[in-house]
Amino acid sequence: MSASLVTVAYLGAAILFVLSLGGLSNPETSRRGNLLGMIGMAIAVLATVFGPRVHISGLGWIVLALVIGGGIGLWAARIG
């Protein structure tokens, strides 16, 4: 993925994050706001992983960090 495409993806993710904050401010639109935030985060993570600065040797560390962070998040969601 080229650097300019990564920049456009980051810009799109930032716009989705701002829209998600607006959606989360009202209980009636909170589901849509949450969805926009999740889509924005997915775009940002994918742009980072497939961007030009990540080499194949670093993908294992990224996957490890995602698994650890996801496990902690799942644990925190179940006890809270």
PDB file of N, CA and C in Angstrom:
ATOM      1  N   MET A   1       0.852  -1.164   0.000  1.00  0.00           N
ATOM      2  CA  MET A   1       0.000   0.000   0.000  1.00  0.00           C
ATOM      3  C   MET A   1       0.904   1.235   0.000  1.00  0.00           C
ATOM      4  N   SER A   2       0.604   2.193  -0.853  1.00  0.00           N
ATOM      5  CA  SER A   2       1.447   3.382  -0.970  1.00  0.00           C
ATOM      6  C   SER A   2       1.238   4.319   0.215  1.00  0.00           C
ATOM      7  N   ALA A   3       2.191   5.201   0.411  1.00  0.00           N
ATOM      8  CA  ALA A   3       2.126   6.138   1.530  1.00  0.00           C
ATOM      9  C   ALA A   3       0.951   7.104   1.383  1.00  0.00           C
ATOM     10  N   SER A   4       0.633   7.497   0.164  1.00  0.00           N
ATOM     11  CA  SER A   4      -0.494   8.419  -0.028  1.00  0.00           C
ATOM     12  C   SER A   4      -1.826   7.732   0.261  1.00  0.00           C
ATOM     13  N   LEU A   5      -1.939   6.463  -0.072  1.00  0.00           N
ATOM     14  CA  LEU A   5      -3.167   5.727   0.243  1.00  0.00           C
ATOM     15  C   LEU A   5      -3.320   5.541   1.751  1.00  0.00           C
ATOM     16  N   VAL A   6      -2.220   5.321   2.446  1.00  0.00           N
ATOM     17  CA  VAL A   6      -2.257   5.215   3.906  1.00  0.00           C
ATOM     18  C   VAL A   6      -2.716   6.534   4.513  1.00  0.00           C
ATOM     19  N   THR A   7      -2.223   7.643   3.978  1.00  0.00           N
ATOM     20  CA  THR A   7      -2.622   8.962   4.473  1.00  0.00           C
ATOM     21  C   THR A   7      -4.116   9.193   4.275  1.00  0.00           C
ATOM     22  N   VAL A   8      -4.635   8.819   3.128  1.00  0.00           N
ATOM     23  CA  VAL A   8      -6.071   8.961   2.865  1.00  0.00           C
ATOM     24  C   VAL A   8      -6.873   8.068   3.818  1.00  0.00           C
ATOM     25  N   ALA A   9      -6.383   6.862   4.077  1.00  0.00           N
ATOM     26  CA  ALA A   9      -7.069   5.964   5.006  1.00  0.00           C
ATOM     27  C   ALA A   9      -7.086   6.545   6.417  1.00  0.00           C
ATOM     28  N   TYR A  10      -5.962   7.130   6.861  1.00  0.00           N
ATOM     29  CA  TYR A  10      -5.914   7.767   8.171  1.00  0.00           C
ATOM     30  C   TYR A  10      -6.873   8.950   8.251  1.00  0.00           C
ATOM     31  N   LEU A  11      -6.961   9.718   7.185  1.00  0.00           N
ATOM     32  CA  LEU A  11      -7.874  10.856   7.159  1.00  0.00           C
ATOM     33  C   LEU A  11      -9.326  10.380   7.259  1.00  0.00           C
ATOM     34  N   GLY A  12      -9.656   9.338   6.505  1.00  0.00           N
ATOM     35  CA  GLY A  12     -11.003   8.763   6.585  1.00  0.00           C
ATOM     36  C   GLY A  12     -11.311   8.212   7.967  1.00  0.00           C
ATOM     37  N   ALA A  13     -10.330   7.569   8.587  1.00  0.00           N
ATOM     38  CA  ALA A  13     -10.527   7.037   9.934  1.00  0.00           C
ATOM     39  C   ALA A  13     -10.735   8.163  10.925  1.00  0.00           C
ATOM     40  N   ALA A  14      -9.982   9.252  10.784  1.00  0.00           N
ATOM     41  CA  ALA A  14     -10.146  10.389  11.686  1.00  0.00           C
ATOM     42  C   ALA A  14     -11.534  11.005  11.556  1.00  0.00           C
ATOM     43  N   ILE A  15     -12.029  11.103  10.337  1.00  0.00           N
ATOM     44  CA  ILE A  15     -13.382  11.635  10.127  1.00  0.00           C
ATOM     45  C   ILE A  15     -14.411  10.725  10.772  1.00  0.00           C
ATOM     46  N   LEU A  16     -14.243   9.420  10.631  1.00  0.00           N
ATOM     47  CA  LEU A  16     -15.175   8.479  11.259  1.00  0.00           C
ATOM     48  C   LEU A  16     -15.116   8.569  12.782  1.00  0.00           C
ATOM     49  N   PHE A  17     -13.930   8.793  13.342  1.00  0.00           N
ATOM     50  CA  PHE A  17     -13.813   8.941  14.794  1.00  0.00           C
ATOM     51  C   PHE A  17     -14.566  10.171  15.280  1.00  0.00           C
ATOM     52  N   VAL A  18     -14.443  11.280  14.555  1.00  0.00           N
ATOM     53  CA  VAL A  18     -15.153  12.499  14.941  1.00  0.00           C
ATOM     54  C   VAL A  18     -16.661  12.290  14.829  1.00  0.00           C
ATOM     55  N   LEU A  19     -17.098  11.644  13.768  1.00  0.00           N
ATOM     56  CA  LEU A  19     -18.528  11.352  13.619  1.00  0.00           C
ATOM     57  C   LEU A  19     -19.026  10.412  14.712  1.00  0.00           C
ATOM     58  N   SER A  20     -18.175   9.483  15.124  1.00  0.00           N
ATOM     59  CA  SER A  20     -18.593   8.555  16.176  1.00  0.00           C
ATOM     60  C   SER A  20     -18.770   9.285  17.501  1.00  0.00           C
ATOM     61  N   LEU A  21     -17.934  10.264  17.784  1.00  0.00           N
ATOM     62  CA  LEU A  21     -18.094  11.038  19.012  1.00  0.00           C
ATOM     63  C   LEU A  21     -19.410  11.806  19.005  1.00  0.00           C
ATOM     64  N   GLY A  22     -19.765  12.345  17.853  1.00  0.00           N
ATOM     65  CA  GLY A  22     -21.055  13.020  17.742  1.00  0.00           C
ATOM     66  C   GLY A  22     -22.216  12.054  17.935  1.00  0.00           C
ATOM     67  N   GLY A  23     -22.084  10.856  17.414  1.00  0.00           N
ATOM     68  CA  GLY A  23     -23.143   9.861  17.573  1.00  0.00           C
ATOM     69  C   GLY A  23     -23.261   9.339  18.988  1.00  0.00           C
ATOM     70  N   LEU A  24     -22.149   9.268  19.695  1.00  0.00           N
ATOM     71  CA  LEU A  24     -22.179   8.749  21.061  1.00  0.00           C
ATOM     72  C   LEU A  24     -22.736   9.752  22.066  1.00  0.00           C
ATOM     73  N   SER A  25     -22.902  10.998  21.652  1.00  0.00           N
ATOM     74  CA  SER A  25     -23.386  12.008  22.580  1.00  0.00           C
ATOM     75  C   SER A  25     -24.891  11.928  22.802  1.00  0.00           C
ATOM     76  N   ASN A  26     -25.588  11.143  22.019  1.00  0.00           N
ATOM     77  CA  ASN A  26     -27.032  11.024  22.131  1.00  0.00           C
ATOM     78  C   ASN A  26     -27.398   9.533  22.248  1.00  0.00           C
ATOM     79  N   PRO A  27     -28.218   9.157  23.225  1.00  0.00           N
ATOM     80  CA  PRO A  27     -28.566   7.733  23.371  1.00  0.00           C
ATOM     81  C   PRO A  27     -29.255   7.133  22.144  1.00  0.00           C
ATOM     82  N   GLU A  28     -29.988   7.945  21.391  1.00  0.00           N
ATOM     83  CA  GLU A  28     -30.710   7.420  20.233  1.00  0.00           C
ATOM     84  C   GLU A  28     -29.786   7.103  19.059  1.00  0.00           C
ATOM     85  N   THR A  29     -28.641   7.752  19.005  1.00  0.00           N
ATOM     86  CA  THR A  29     -27.708   7.527  17.889  1.00  0.00           C
ATOM     87  C   THR A  29     -26.426   6.824  18.337  1.00  0.00           C
ATOM     88  N   SER A  30     -26.431   6.288  19.547  1.00  0.00           N
ATOM     89  CA  SER A  30     -25.195   5.699  20.081  1.00  0.00           C
ATOM     90  C   SER A  30     -24.775   4.431  19.344  1.00  0.00           C
ATOM     91  N   ARG A  31     -25.722   3.651  18.861  1.00  0.00           N
ATOM     92  CA  ARG A  31     -25.349   2.440  18.111  1.00  0.00           C
ATOM     93  C   ARG A  31     -24.623   2.807  16.823  1.00  0.00           C
ATOM     94  N   ARG A  32     -25.140   3.811  16.129  1.00  0.00           N
ATOM     95  CA  ARG A  32     -24.489   4.256  14.902  1.00  0.00           C
ATOM     96  C   ARG A  32     -23.118   4.854  15.207  1.00  0.00           C
ATOM     97  N   GLY A  33     -23.022   5.625  16.280  1.00  0.00           N
ATOM     98  CA  GLY A  33     -21.744   6.206  16.669  1.00  0.00           C
ATOM     99  C   GLY A  33     -20.721   5.137  17.000  1.00  0.00           C
ATOM    100  N   ASN A  34     -21.147   4.102  17.696  1.00  0.00           N
ATOM    101  CA  ASN A  34     -20.251   3.002  18.033  1.00  0.00           C
ATOM    102  C   ASN A  34     -19.794   2.273  16.771  1.00  0.00           C
ATOM    103  N   LEU A  35     -20.703   2.066  15.842  1.00  0.00           N
ATOM    104  CA  LEU A  35     -20.355   1.407  14.583  1.00  0.00           C
ATOM    105  C   LEU A  35     -19.352   2.234  13.781  1.00  0.00           C
ATOM    106  N   LEU A  36     -19.560   3.543  13.725  1.00  0.00           N
ATOM    107  CA  LEU A  36     -18.627   4.404  12.995  1.00  0.00           C
ATOM    108  C   LEU A  36     -17.241   4.362  13.637  1.00  0.00           C
ATOM    109  N   GLY A  37     -17.184   4.331  14.952  1.00  0.00           N
ATOM    110  CA  GLY A  37     -15.898   4.227  15.634  1.00  0.00           C
ATOM    111  C   GLY A  37     -15.196   2.915  15.341  1.00  0.00           C
ATOM    112  N   MET A  38     -15.953   1.824  15.317  1.00  0.00           N
ATOM    113  CA  MET A  38     -15.354   0.521  15.015  1.00  0.00           C
ATOM    114  C   MET A  38     -14.832   0.470  13.579  1.00  0.00           C
ATOM    115  N   ILE A  39     -15.585   1.021  12.648  1.00  0.00           N
ATOM    116  CA  ILE A  39     -15.137   1.038  11.255  1.00  0.00           C
ATOM    117  C   ILE A  39     -13.881   1.898  11.115  1.00  0.00           C
ATOM    118  N   GLY A  40     -13.869   3.048  11.778  1.00  0.00           N
ATOM    119  CA  GLY A  40     -12.703   3.917  11.728  1.00  0.00           C
ATOM    120  C   GLY A  40     -11.466   3.246  12.301  1.00  0.00           C
ATOM    121  N   MET A  41     -11.629   2.531  13.398  1.00  0.00           N
ATOM    122  CA  MET A  41     -10.493   1.846  14.006  1.00  0.00           C
ATOM    123  C   MET A  41     -10.006   0.711  13.120  1.00  0.00           C
ATOM    124  N   ALA A  42     -10.922  -0.013  12.497  1.00  0.00           N
ATOM    125  CA  ALA A  42     -10.524  -1.093  11.594  1.00  0.00           C
ATOM    126  C   ALA A  42      -9.734  -0.540  10.407  1.00  0.00           C
ATOM    127  N   ILE A  43     -10.179   0.581   9.860  1.00  0.00           N
ATOM    128  CA  ILE A  43      -9.457   1.201   8.741  1.00  0.00           C
ATOM    129  C   ILE A  43      -8.066   1.626   9.188  1.00  0.00           C
ATOM    130  N   ALA A  44      -7.963   2.241  10.361  1.00  0.00           N
ATOM    131  CA  ALA A  44      -6.663   2.709  10.856  1.00  0.00           C
ATOM    132  C   ALA A  44      -5.709   1.536  11.100  1.00  0.00           C
ATOM    133  N   VAL A  45      -6.205   0.459  11.683  1.00  0.00           N
ATOM    134  CA  VAL A  45      -5.345  -0.700  11.946  1.00  0.00           C
ATOM    135  C   VAL A  45      -4.899  -1.347  10.636  1.00  0.00           C
ATOM    136  N   LEU A  46      -5.810  -1.510   9.708  1.00  0.00           N
ATOM    137  CA  LEU A  46      -5.448  -2.124   8.423  1.00  0.00           C
ATOM    138  C   LEU A  46      -4.457  -1.249   7.651  1.00  0.00           C
ATOM    139  N   ALA A  47      -4.648   0.076   7.688  1.00  0.00           N
ATOM    140  CA  ALA A  47      -3.714   0.968   7.002  1.00  0.00           C
ATOM    141  C   ALA A  47      -2.335   0.889   7.641  1.00  0.00           C
ATOM    142  N   THR A  48      -2.287   0.717   8.957  1.00  0.00           N
ATOM    143  CA  THR A  48      -0.995   0.603   9.630  1.00  0.00           C
ATOM    144  C   THR A  48      -0.319  -0.725   9.304  1.00  0.00           C
ATOM    145  N   VAL A  49      -1.078  -1.808   9.376  1.00  0.00           N
ATOM    146  CA  VAL A  49      -0.495  -3.138   9.153  1.00  0.00           C
ATOM    147  C   VAL A  49      -0.020  -3.299   7.709  1.00  0.00           C
ATOM    148  N   PHE A  50      -0.796  -2.814   6.757  1.00  0.00           N
ATOM    149  CA  PHE A  50      -0.438  -3.001   5.349  1.00  0.00           C
ATOM    150  C   PHE A  50       0.273  -1.791   4.759  1.00  0.00           C
ATOM    151  N   GLY A  51       0.663  -0.855   5.601  1.00  0.00           N
ATOM    152  CA  GLY A  51       1.375   0.329   5.141  1.00  0.00           C
ATOM    153  C   GLY A  51       2.809   0.018   4.746  1.00  0.00           C
ATOM    154  N   PRO A  52       3.474   1.003   4.145  1.00  0.00           N
ATOM    155  CA  PRO A  52       4.822   0.763   3.627  1.00  0.00           C
ATOM    156  C   PRO A  52       5.900   0.656   4.705  1.00  0.00           C
ATOM    157  N   ARG A  53       5.616   1.048   5.935  1.00  0.00           N
ATOM    158  CA  ARG A  53       6.643   1.042   6.974  1.00  0.00           C
ATOM    159  C   ARG A  53       6.670  -0.254   7.784  1.00  0.00           C
ATOM    160  N   VAL A  54       5.712  -1.152   7.569  1.00  0.00           N
ATOM    161  CA  VAL A  54       5.684  -2.422   8.297  1.00  0.00           C
ATOM    162  C   VAL A  54       6.245  -3.509   7.392  1.00  0.00           C
ATOM    163  N   HIS A  55       7.251  -4.205   7.886  1.00  0.00           N
ATOM    164  CA  HIS A  55       7.862  -5.292   7.130  1.00  0.00           C
ATOM    165  C   HIS A  55       7.262  -6.614   7.583  1.00  0.00           C
ATOM    166  N   ILE A  56       7.452  -7.629   6.787  1.00  0.00           N
ATOM    167  CA  ILE A  56       6.881  -8.940   7.076  1.00  0.00           C
ATOM    168  C   ILE A  56       7.377  -9.484   8.406  1.00  0.00           C
ATOM    169  N   SER A  57       8.577  -9.115   8.809  1.00  0.00           N
ATOM    170  CA  SER A  57       9.106  -9.604  10.078  1.00  0.00           C
ATOM    171  C   SER A  57       8.386  -8.986  11.270  1.00  0.00           C
ATOM    172  N   GLY A  58       7.736  -7.854  11.088  1.00  0.00           N
ATOM    173  CA  GLY A  58       7.029  -7.202  12.190  1.00  0.00           C
ATOM    174  C   GLY A  58       5.594  -7.656  12.357  1.00  0.00           C
ATOM    175  N   LEU A  59       5.064  -8.400  11.400  1.00  0.00           N
ATOM    176  CA  LEU A  59       3.675  -8.825  11.481  1.00  0.00           C
ATOM    177  C   LEU A  59       3.412  -9.751  12.664  1.00  0.00           C
ATOM    178  N   GLY A  60       4.367 -10.579  13.003  1.00  0.00           N
ATOM    179  CA  GLY A  60       4.195 -11.463  14.159  1.00  0.00           C
ATOM    180  C   GLY A  60       4.012 -10.684  15.445  1.00  0.00           C
ATOM    181  N   TRP A  61       4.769  -9.605  15.595  1.00  0.00           N
ATOM    182  CA  TRP A  61       4.630  -8.764  16.797  1.00  0.00           C
ATOM    183  C   TRP A  61       3.272  -8.063  16.832  1.00  0.00           C
ATOM    184  N   ILE A  62       2.799  -7.652  15.664  1.00  0.00           N
ATOM    185  CA  ILE A  62       1.491  -6.996  15.604  1.00  0.00           C
ATOM    186  C   ILE A  62       0.382  -7.971  15.972  1.00  0.00           C
ATOM    187  N   VAL A  63       0.455  -9.184  15.445  1.00  0.00           N
ATOM    188  CA  VAL A  63      -0.549 -10.196  15.769  1.00  0.00           C
ATOM    189  C   VAL A  63      -0.493 -10.540  17.258  1.00  0.00           C
ATOM    190  N   LEU A  64       0.700 -10.670  17.812  1.00  0.00           N
ATOM    191  CA  LEU A  64       0.839 -10.948  19.242  1.00  0.00           C
ATOM    192  C   LEU A  64       0.212  -9.839  20.078  1.00  0.00           C
ATOM    193  N   ALA A  65       0.463  -8.587  19.712  1.00  0.00           N
ATOM    194  CA  ALA A  65      -0.110  -7.461  20.453  1.00  0.00           C
ATOM    195  C   ALA A  65      -1.631  -7.439  20.345  1.00  0.00           C
ATOM    196  N   LEU A  66      -2.171  -7.766  19.159  1.00  0.00           N
ATOM    197  CA  LEU A  66      -3.623  -7.818  18.992  1.00  0.00           C
ATOM    198  C   LEU A  66      -4.245  -8.918  19.849  1.00  0.00           C
ATOM    199  N   VAL A  67      -3.597 -10.067  19.913  1.00  0.00           N
ATOM    200  CA  VAL A  67      -4.124 -11.179  20.709  1.00  0.00           C
ATOM    201  C   VAL A  67      -4.084 -10.830  22.201  1.00  0.00           C
ATOM    202  N   ILE A  68      -2.985 -10.268  22.662  1.00  0.00           N
ATOM    203  CA  ILE A  68      -2.875  -9.898  24.071  1.00  0.00           C
ATOM    204  C   ILE A  68      -3.890  -8.807  24.416  1.00  0.00           C
ATOM    205  N   GLY A  69      -3.961  -7.758  23.597  1.00  0.00           N
ATOM    206  CA  GLY A  69      -4.903  -6.675  23.852  1.00  0.00           C
ATOM    207  C   GLY A  69      -6.346  -7.138  23.776  1.00  0.00           C
ATOM    208  N   GLY A  70      -6.652  -8.001  22.819  1.00  0.00           N
ATOM    209  CA  GLY A  70      -8.006  -8.547  22.716  1.00  0.00           C
ATOM    210  C   GLY A  70      -8.365  -9.416  23.900  1.00  0.00           C
ATOM    211  N   GLY A  71      -7.405 -10.201  24.380  1.00  0.00           N
ATOM    212  CA  GLY A  71      -7.648 -11.035  25.560  1.00  0.00           C
ATOM    213  C   GLY A  71      -7.906 -10.205  26.808  1.00  0.00           C
ATOM    214  N   ILE A  72      -7.116  -9.154  26.989  1.00  0.00           N
ATOM    215  CA  ILE A  72      -7.324  -8.269  28.137  1.00  0.00           C
ATOM    216  C   ILE A  72      -8.670  -7.560  28.025  1.00  0.00           C
ATOM    217  N   GLY A  73      -9.018  -7.102  26.825  1.00  0.00           N
ATOM    218  CA  GLY A  73     -10.311  -6.450  26.625  1.00  0.00           C
ATOM    219  C   GLY A  73     -11.477  -7.386  26.879  1.00  0.00           C
ATOM    220  N   LEU A  74     -11.361  -8.619  26.424  1.00  0.00           N
ATOM    221  CA  LEU A  74     -12.418  -9.604  26.664  1.00  0.00           C
ATOM    222  C   LEU A  74     -12.547  -9.903  28.146  1.00  0.00           C
ATOM    223  N   TRP A  75     -11.411 -10.059  28.820  1.00  0.00           N
ATOM    224  CA  TRP A  75     -11.434 -10.304  30.267  1.00  0.00           C
ATOM    225  C   TRP A  75     -12.073  -9.132  31.013  1.00  0.00           C
ATOM    226  N   ALA A  76     -11.706  -7.905  30.641  1.00  0.00           N
ATOM    227  CA  ALA A  76     -12.248  -6.730  31.312  1.00  0.00           C
ATOM    228  C   ALA A  76     -13.746  -6.593  31.050  1.00  0.00           C
ATOM    229  N   ALA A  77     -14.191  -6.944  29.857  1.00  0.00           N
ATOM    230  CA  ALA A  77     -15.612  -6.837  29.531  1.00  0.00           C
ATOM    231  C   ALA A  77     -16.425  -7.873  30.307  1.00  0.00           C
ATOM    232  N   ARG A  78     -15.864  -9.021  30.562  1.00  0.00           N
ATOM    233  CA  ARG A  78     -16.623 -10.058  31.263  1.00  0.00           C
ATOM    234  C   ARG A  78     -16.716  -9.824  32.763  1.00  0.00           C
ATOM    235  N   ILE A  79     -15.685  -9.188  33.350  1.00  0.00           N
ATOM    236  CA  ILE A  79     -15.761  -8.952  34.795  1.00  0.00           C
ATOM    237  C   ILE A  79     -16.463  -7.643  35.130  1.00  0.00           C
ATOM    238  N   GLY A  80     -16.584  -6.744  34.152  1.00  0.00           N
ATOM    239  CA  GLY A  80     -17.170  -5.435  34.397  1.00  0.00           C
ATOM    240  C   GLY A  80     -18.590  -5.442  34.078  1.00  0.00           C
TER     241      GLY A  80
END
